[in-house]
Amino acid sequence: MPHLPLVGGPRGVTSTLDLVGPGFTLLTRTESPAWRQQAASGSQTGVPVAVRALNTGTQREADPGQWERLIGGTAPDAALLLRPDGHIAWRADGPAAELPAVLRSILAHR
C-alpha cells in the first residue's frame, strides 16, 4: 500500500499506512454505508474486514487528489482491499462488486 499523508485525523494516524490491519482492510475515499454493508457481508464468510476512509469528518488527504492518482481513476466510490500485510489484493470502482466472492477467490487454495 502506498503512503499517502493524512491530516486532521485521530492521534497517531498520519498516513494511509496507519489505516491498514490487523486483518483485511477495505480502504475508501469517504465513509460509505454501501461499502460498510459489503464489508459486513464479507465478514460473514469468516474473514473480518475493517472499513477505513481517507476523508472523514476531520481527517482528510494532505494533498487533495492523491487518492485518485493512487487508484488510477476518478470513480468517487472506488475502494482498495488490503491484505493484512499491507499489499493491495483488489481494487473496485464501486460497492456493486460482491466482496464475499472476492474474498473467497483471494483466499482459495489452488
N, C-alpha and C. Protein backbone atom coordinates (compact mmCIF):
# COMPACT_ATOMS: atom_id res chain seq x y z
N MET A 1 0.84 -1.18 0.00
CA MET A 1 0.00 0.00 0.00
C MET A 1 0.88 1.23 0.00
N PRO A 2 0.72 2.10 -0.96
CA PRO A 2 1.50 3.33 -0.97
C PRO A 2 1.11 4.26 0.19
N HIS A 3 2.07 5.04 0.60
CA HIS A 3 1.88 6.03 1.66
C HIS A 3 1.23 7.28 1.08
N LEU A 4 0.11 7.69 1.68
CA LEU A 4 -0.48 8.99 1.37
C LEU A 4 -0.60 9.73 2.69
N PRO A 5 -0.04 10.92 2.80
CA PRO A 5 -0.15 11.68 4.05
C PRO A 5 -1.60 12.09 4.32
N LEU A 6 -1.99 12.01 5.59
CA LEU A 6 -3.31 12.42 6.04
C LEU A 6 -3.15 13.49 7.10
N VAL A 7 -4.13 14.38 7.21
CA VAL A 7 -4.12 15.42 8.24
C VAL A 7 -5.47 15.45 8.95
N GLY A 8 -5.44 15.91 10.19
CA GLY A 8 -6.67 16.15 10.94
C GLY A 8 -7.31 14.93 11.57
N GLY A 9 -6.68 13.77 11.45
CA GLY A 9 -7.27 12.55 11.97
C GLY A 9 -6.94 12.31 13.42
N PRO A 10 -7.32 11.14 13.91
CA PRO A 10 -7.01 10.79 15.30
C PRO A 10 -5.50 10.77 15.54
N ARG A 11 -5.13 10.91 16.78
CA ARG A 11 -3.72 10.87 17.16
C ARG A 11 -3.08 9.58 16.65
N GLY A 12 -1.96 9.69 16.01
CA GLY A 12 -1.24 8.52 15.50
C GLY A 12 -1.61 8.13 14.09
N VAL A 13 -2.62 8.78 13.50
CA VAL A 13 -2.99 8.48 12.12
C VAL A 13 -2.52 9.63 11.25
N THR A 14 -1.40 9.42 10.55
CA THR A 14 -0.84 10.48 9.71
C THR A 14 -0.64 10.01 8.27
N SER A 15 -1.01 8.75 8.00
CA SER A 15 -0.75 8.16 6.70
C SER A 15 -1.75 7.05 6.42
N THR A 16 -1.92 6.73 5.16
CA THR A 16 -2.75 5.57 4.80
C THR A 16 -2.19 4.30 5.43
N LEU A 17 -0.89 4.25 5.66
CA LEU A 17 -0.29 3.06 6.26
C LEU A 17 -0.81 2.83 7.68
N ASP A 18 -1.23 3.89 8.35
CA ASP A 18 -1.76 3.77 9.70
C ASP A 18 -3.19 3.20 9.72
N LEU A 19 -3.82 3.12 8.57
CA LEU A 19 -5.20 2.64 8.47
C LEU A 19 -5.28 1.14 8.19
N VAL A 20 -4.16 0.52 7.89
CA VAL A 20 -4.13 -0.88 7.47
C VAL A 20 -4.06 -1.82 8.66
N GLY A 21 -4.87 -2.91 8.59
CA GLY A 21 -4.75 -4.02 9.52
C GLY A 21 -5.58 -3.89 10.76
N PRO A 22 -5.47 -4.89 11.60
CA PRO A 22 -4.56 -6.03 11.53
C PRO A 22 -5.01 -7.11 10.55
N GLY A 23 -6.27 -7.15 10.18
CA GLY A 23 -6.75 -8.13 9.20
C GLY A 23 -6.88 -7.46 7.84
N PHE A 24 -7.86 -7.91 7.06
CA PHE A 24 -8.15 -7.28 5.78
C PHE A 24 -8.76 -5.90 6.04
N THR A 25 -8.40 -4.94 5.20
CA THR A 25 -8.90 -3.57 5.32
C THR A 25 -9.45 -3.14 3.98
N LEU A 26 -10.65 -2.59 4.00
CA LEU A 26 -11.25 -2.00 2.81
C LEU A 26 -11.07 -0.50 2.94
N LEU A 27 -10.25 0.08 2.08
CA LEU A 27 -9.92 1.49 2.15
C LEU A 27 -10.74 2.25 1.11
N THR A 28 -11.50 3.24 1.57
CA THR A 28 -12.35 4.04 0.70
C THR A 28 -11.98 5.51 0.81
N ARG A 29 -12.42 6.29 -0.16
CA ARG A 29 -12.13 7.73 -0.12
C ARG A 29 -12.94 8.42 0.96
N THR A 30 -14.24 8.10 1.06
CA THR A 30 -15.11 8.69 2.06
C THR A 30 -15.84 7.57 2.80
N GLU A 31 -16.44 7.91 3.91
CA GLU A 31 -17.23 6.92 4.64
C GLU A 31 -18.44 6.56 3.80
N SER A 32 -18.67 5.27 3.61
CA SER A 32 -19.71 4.81 2.69
C SER A 32 -20.54 3.70 3.33
N PRO A 33 -21.84 3.95 3.53
CA PRO A 33 -22.70 2.89 4.05
C PRO A 33 -22.73 1.66 3.12
N ALA A 34 -22.66 1.88 1.83
CA ALA A 34 -22.69 0.75 0.88
C ALA A 34 -21.45 -0.13 1.04
N TRP A 35 -20.27 0.49 1.22
CA TRP A 35 -19.07 -0.30 1.42
C TRP A 35 -19.08 -0.98 2.79
N ARG A 36 -19.66 -0.32 3.80
CA ARG A 36 -19.78 -0.95 5.12
C ARG A 36 -20.65 -2.20 5.03
N GLN A 37 -21.71 -2.11 4.24
CA GLN A 37 -22.58 -3.28 4.05
C GLN A 37 -21.82 -4.40 3.33
N GLN A 38 -21.02 -4.05 2.33
CA GLN A 38 -20.21 -5.06 1.63
C GLN A 38 -19.22 -5.71 2.59
N ALA A 39 -18.59 -4.90 3.45
CA ALA A 39 -17.63 -5.45 4.40
C ALA A 39 -18.32 -6.37 5.39
N ALA A 40 -19.52 -6.01 5.83
CA ALA A 40 -20.27 -6.87 6.75
C ALA A 40 -20.61 -8.19 6.09
N SER A 41 -20.99 -8.16 4.82
CA SER A 41 -21.29 -9.41 4.12
C SER A 41 -20.01 -10.21 3.90
N GLY A 42 -18.89 -9.52 3.68
CA GLY A 42 -17.61 -10.22 3.55
C GLY A 42 -17.20 -10.88 4.85
N SER A 43 -17.49 -10.23 5.96
CA SER A 43 -17.15 -10.80 7.26
C SER A 43 -17.97 -12.06 7.55
N GLN A 44 -19.13 -12.20 6.93
CA GLN A 44 -19.95 -13.39 7.12
C GLN A 44 -19.30 -14.63 6.52
N THR A 45 -18.29 -14.45 5.70
CA THR A 45 -17.56 -15.58 5.14
C THR A 45 -16.54 -16.11 6.14
N GLY A 46 -16.44 -15.45 7.29
CA GLY A 46 -15.47 -15.85 8.30
C GLY A 46 -14.20 -15.03 8.24
N VAL A 47 -14.15 -14.08 7.32
CA VAL A 47 -12.97 -13.23 7.18
C VAL A 47 -13.38 -11.80 7.55
N PRO A 48 -12.98 -11.32 8.73
CA PRO A 48 -13.35 -9.95 9.10
C PRO A 48 -12.67 -8.93 8.20
N VAL A 49 -13.44 -7.90 7.86
CA VAL A 49 -12.93 -6.83 7.00
C VAL A 49 -13.24 -5.50 7.69
N ALA A 50 -12.19 -4.73 7.99
CA ALA A 50 -12.37 -3.39 8.57
C ALA A 50 -12.50 -2.39 7.43
N VAL A 51 -13.39 -1.43 7.58
CA VAL A 51 -13.56 -0.37 6.58
C VAL A 51 -12.95 0.90 7.15
N ARG A 52 -12.07 1.49 6.38
CA ARG A 52 -11.43 2.74 6.79
C ARG A 52 -11.56 3.74 5.64
N ALA A 53 -11.86 4.98 5.98
CA ALA A 53 -12.00 6.04 4.98
C ALA A 53 -10.85 7.04 5.12
N LEU A 54 -10.38 7.51 3.98
CA LEU A 54 -9.33 8.54 4.00
C LEU A 54 -9.89 9.86 4.50
N ASN A 55 -11.04 10.23 3.96
CA ASN A 55 -11.64 11.52 4.27
C ASN A 55 -12.87 11.29 5.15
N THR A 56 -12.77 11.75 6.40
CA THR A 56 -13.87 11.62 7.35
C THR A 56 -14.30 13.02 7.77
N GLY A 57 -14.99 13.12 8.88
CA GLY A 57 -15.40 14.44 9.36
C GLY A 57 -14.25 15.39 9.58
N THR A 58 -13.13 14.88 10.10
CA THR A 58 -11.97 15.75 10.37
C THR A 58 -10.73 15.33 9.58
N GLN A 59 -10.57 14.05 9.36
CA GLN A 59 -9.39 13.55 8.64
C GLN A 59 -9.56 13.72 7.14
N ARG A 60 -8.46 14.05 6.47
CA ARG A 60 -8.51 14.21 5.01
C ARG A 60 -7.12 14.01 4.42
N GLU A 61 -7.09 13.86 3.11
CA GLU A 61 -5.81 13.76 2.41
C GLU A 61 -5.04 15.08 2.57
N ALA A 62 -3.76 15.00 2.82
CA ALA A 62 -2.94 16.21 2.93
C ALA A 62 -2.89 16.94 1.59
N ASP A 63 -2.89 16.19 0.50
CA ASP A 63 -2.85 16.76 -0.84
C ASP A 63 -4.07 16.24 -1.60
N PRO A 64 -5.16 17.02 -1.69
CA PRO A 64 -6.35 16.55 -2.38
C PRO A 64 -6.03 16.03 -3.78
N GLY A 65 -6.65 14.91 -4.12
CA GLY A 65 -6.43 14.31 -5.43
C GLY A 65 -5.47 13.14 -5.40
N GLN A 66 -4.78 12.94 -4.29
CA GLN A 66 -3.82 11.83 -4.21
C GLN A 66 -4.52 10.48 -4.34
N TRP A 67 -5.71 10.35 -3.76
CA TRP A 67 -6.44 9.09 -3.82
C TRP A 67 -6.69 8.68 -5.27
N GLU A 68 -7.14 9.62 -6.09
CA GLU A 68 -7.41 9.33 -7.49
C GLU A 68 -6.13 8.90 -8.22
N ARG A 69 -5.03 9.55 -7.91
CA ARG A 69 -3.76 9.17 -8.53
C ARG A 69 -3.33 7.79 -8.06
N LEU A 70 -3.56 7.48 -6.79
CA LEU A 70 -3.18 6.19 -6.23
C LEU A 70 -3.93 5.05 -6.90
N ILE A 71 -5.24 5.20 -7.03
CA ILE A 71 -6.03 4.08 -7.56
C ILE A 71 -6.16 4.10 -9.07
N GLY A 72 -5.66 5.15 -9.70
CA GLY A 72 -5.67 5.19 -11.16
C GLY A 72 -7.03 5.45 -11.76
N GLY A 73 -7.82 6.27 -11.12
CA GLY A 73 -9.14 6.59 -11.66
C GLY A 73 -9.81 7.67 -10.85
N THR A 74 -11.00 8.03 -11.29
CA THR A 74 -11.72 9.10 -10.61
C THR A 74 -13.07 8.64 -10.07
N ALA A 75 -13.33 7.35 -10.05
CA ALA A 75 -14.59 6.85 -9.51
C ALA A 75 -14.70 7.26 -8.04
N PRO A 76 -15.75 8.02 -7.69
CA PRO A 76 -15.84 8.53 -6.31
C PRO A 76 -16.03 7.44 -5.26
N ASP A 77 -16.58 6.29 -5.65
CA ASP A 77 -16.82 5.21 -4.68
C ASP A 77 -15.80 4.08 -4.79
N ALA A 78 -14.67 4.34 -5.41
CA ALA A 78 -13.65 3.30 -5.56
C ALA A 78 -13.09 2.89 -4.20
N ALA A 79 -12.60 1.66 -4.14
CA ALA A 79 -12.03 1.15 -2.89
C ALA A 79 -10.89 0.19 -3.19
N LEU A 80 -10.03 0.04 -2.20
CA LEU A 80 -8.95 -0.94 -2.27
C LEU A 80 -9.14 -1.93 -1.13
N LEU A 81 -8.98 -3.21 -1.42
CA LEU A 81 -8.96 -4.23 -0.39
C LEU A 81 -7.51 -4.54 -0.11
N LEU A 82 -7.10 -4.35 1.13
CA LEU A 82 -5.71 -4.54 1.51
C LEU A 82 -5.57 -5.81 2.34
N ARG A 83 -4.56 -6.57 2.02
CA ARG A 83 -4.25 -7.76 2.81
C ARG A 83 -3.69 -7.34 4.16
N PRO A 84 -3.65 -8.25 5.13
CA PRO A 84 -3.08 -7.91 6.44
C PRO A 84 -1.63 -7.43 6.38
N ASP A 85 -0.90 -7.84 5.34
CA ASP A 85 0.50 -7.40 5.22
C ASP A 85 0.63 -6.06 4.48
N GLY A 86 -0.51 -5.44 4.16
CA GLY A 86 -0.49 -4.12 3.53
C GLY A 86 -0.47 -4.12 2.02
N HIS A 87 -0.39 -5.27 1.38
CA HIS A 87 -0.42 -5.33 -0.08
C HIS A 87 -1.84 -5.19 -0.59
N ILE A 88 -1.99 -4.58 -1.75
CA ILE A 88 -3.30 -4.42 -2.36
C ILE A 88 -3.72 -5.76 -2.96
N ALA A 89 -4.87 -6.26 -2.52
CA ALA A 89 -5.39 -7.54 -3.00
C ALA A 89 -6.40 -7.35 -4.12
N TRP A 90 -7.08 -6.19 -4.14
CA TRP A 90 -8.17 -5.99 -5.09
C TRP A 90 -8.54 -4.53 -5.14
N ARG A 91 -9.04 -4.10 -6.28
CA ARG A 91 -9.48 -2.72 -6.49
C ARG A 91 -10.85 -2.76 -7.13
N ALA A 92 -11.76 -1.89 -6.69
CA ALA A 92 -13.11 -1.82 -7.26
C ALA A 92 -13.50 -0.37 -7.48
N ASP A 93 -14.29 -0.14 -8.52
CA ASP A 93 -14.76 1.22 -8.81
C ASP A 93 -15.97 1.60 -7.96
N GLY A 94 -16.64 0.62 -7.37
CA GLY A 94 -17.81 0.92 -6.55
C GLY A 94 -18.28 -0.30 -5.79
N PRO A 95 -19.20 -0.10 -4.86
CA PRO A 95 -19.64 -1.18 -3.99
C PRO A 95 -20.59 -2.18 -4.62
N ALA A 96 -20.82 -2.11 -5.92
CA ALA A 96 -21.69 -3.08 -6.57
C ALA A 96 -21.03 -4.46 -6.63
N ALA A 97 -19.73 -4.50 -6.51
CA ALA A 97 -19.00 -5.77 -6.55
C ALA A 97 -19.35 -6.61 -5.33
N GLU A 98 -19.24 -7.91 -5.46
CA GLU A 98 -19.56 -8.81 -4.35
C GLU A 98 -18.29 -9.15 -3.58
N LEU A 99 -18.10 -8.51 -2.47
CA LEU A 99 -16.90 -8.70 -1.67
C LEU A 99 -16.74 -10.13 -1.16
N PRO A 100 -17.82 -10.83 -0.73
CA PRO A 100 -17.62 -12.21 -0.30
C PRO A 100 -17.00 -13.10 -1.38
N ALA A 101 -17.43 -12.95 -2.61
CA ALA A 101 -16.87 -13.74 -3.72
C ALA A 101 -15.41 -13.38 -3.94
N VAL A 102 -15.10 -12.10 -3.82
CA VAL A 102 -13.71 -11.65 -3.99
C VAL A 102 -12.83 -12.27 -2.91
N LEU A 103 -13.31 -12.22 -1.66
CA LEU A 103 -12.53 -12.81 -0.56
C LEU A 103 -12.30 -14.31 -0.76
N ARG A 104 -13.37 -15.01 -1.17
CA ARG A 104 -13.21 -16.46 -1.43
C ARG A 104 -12.19 -16.70 -2.52
N SER A 105 -12.20 -15.89 -3.55
CA SER A 105 -11.25 -16.04 -4.65
C SER A 105 -9.82 -15.76 -4.20
N ILE A 106 -9.63 -14.72 -3.42
CA ILE A 106 -8.30 -14.35 -2.94
C ILE A 106 -7.73 -15.44 -2.04
N LEU A 107 -8.58 -16.02 -1.21
CA LEU A 107 -8.12 -16.98 -0.21
C LEU A 107 -8.20 -18.42 -0.66
N ALA A 108 -8.63 -18.66 -1.90
CA ALA A 108 -8.78 -20.02 -2.41
C ALA A 108 -7.43 -20.72 -2.52
N HIS A 109 -7.41 -21.97 -2.14
CA HIS A 109 -6.20 -22.79 -2.31
C HIS A 109 -6.21 -23.32 -3.71
N ARG A 110 -5.10 -23.20 -4.38
CA ARG A 110 -5.02 -23.67 -5.77
C ARG A 110 -4.14 -24.87 -5.84
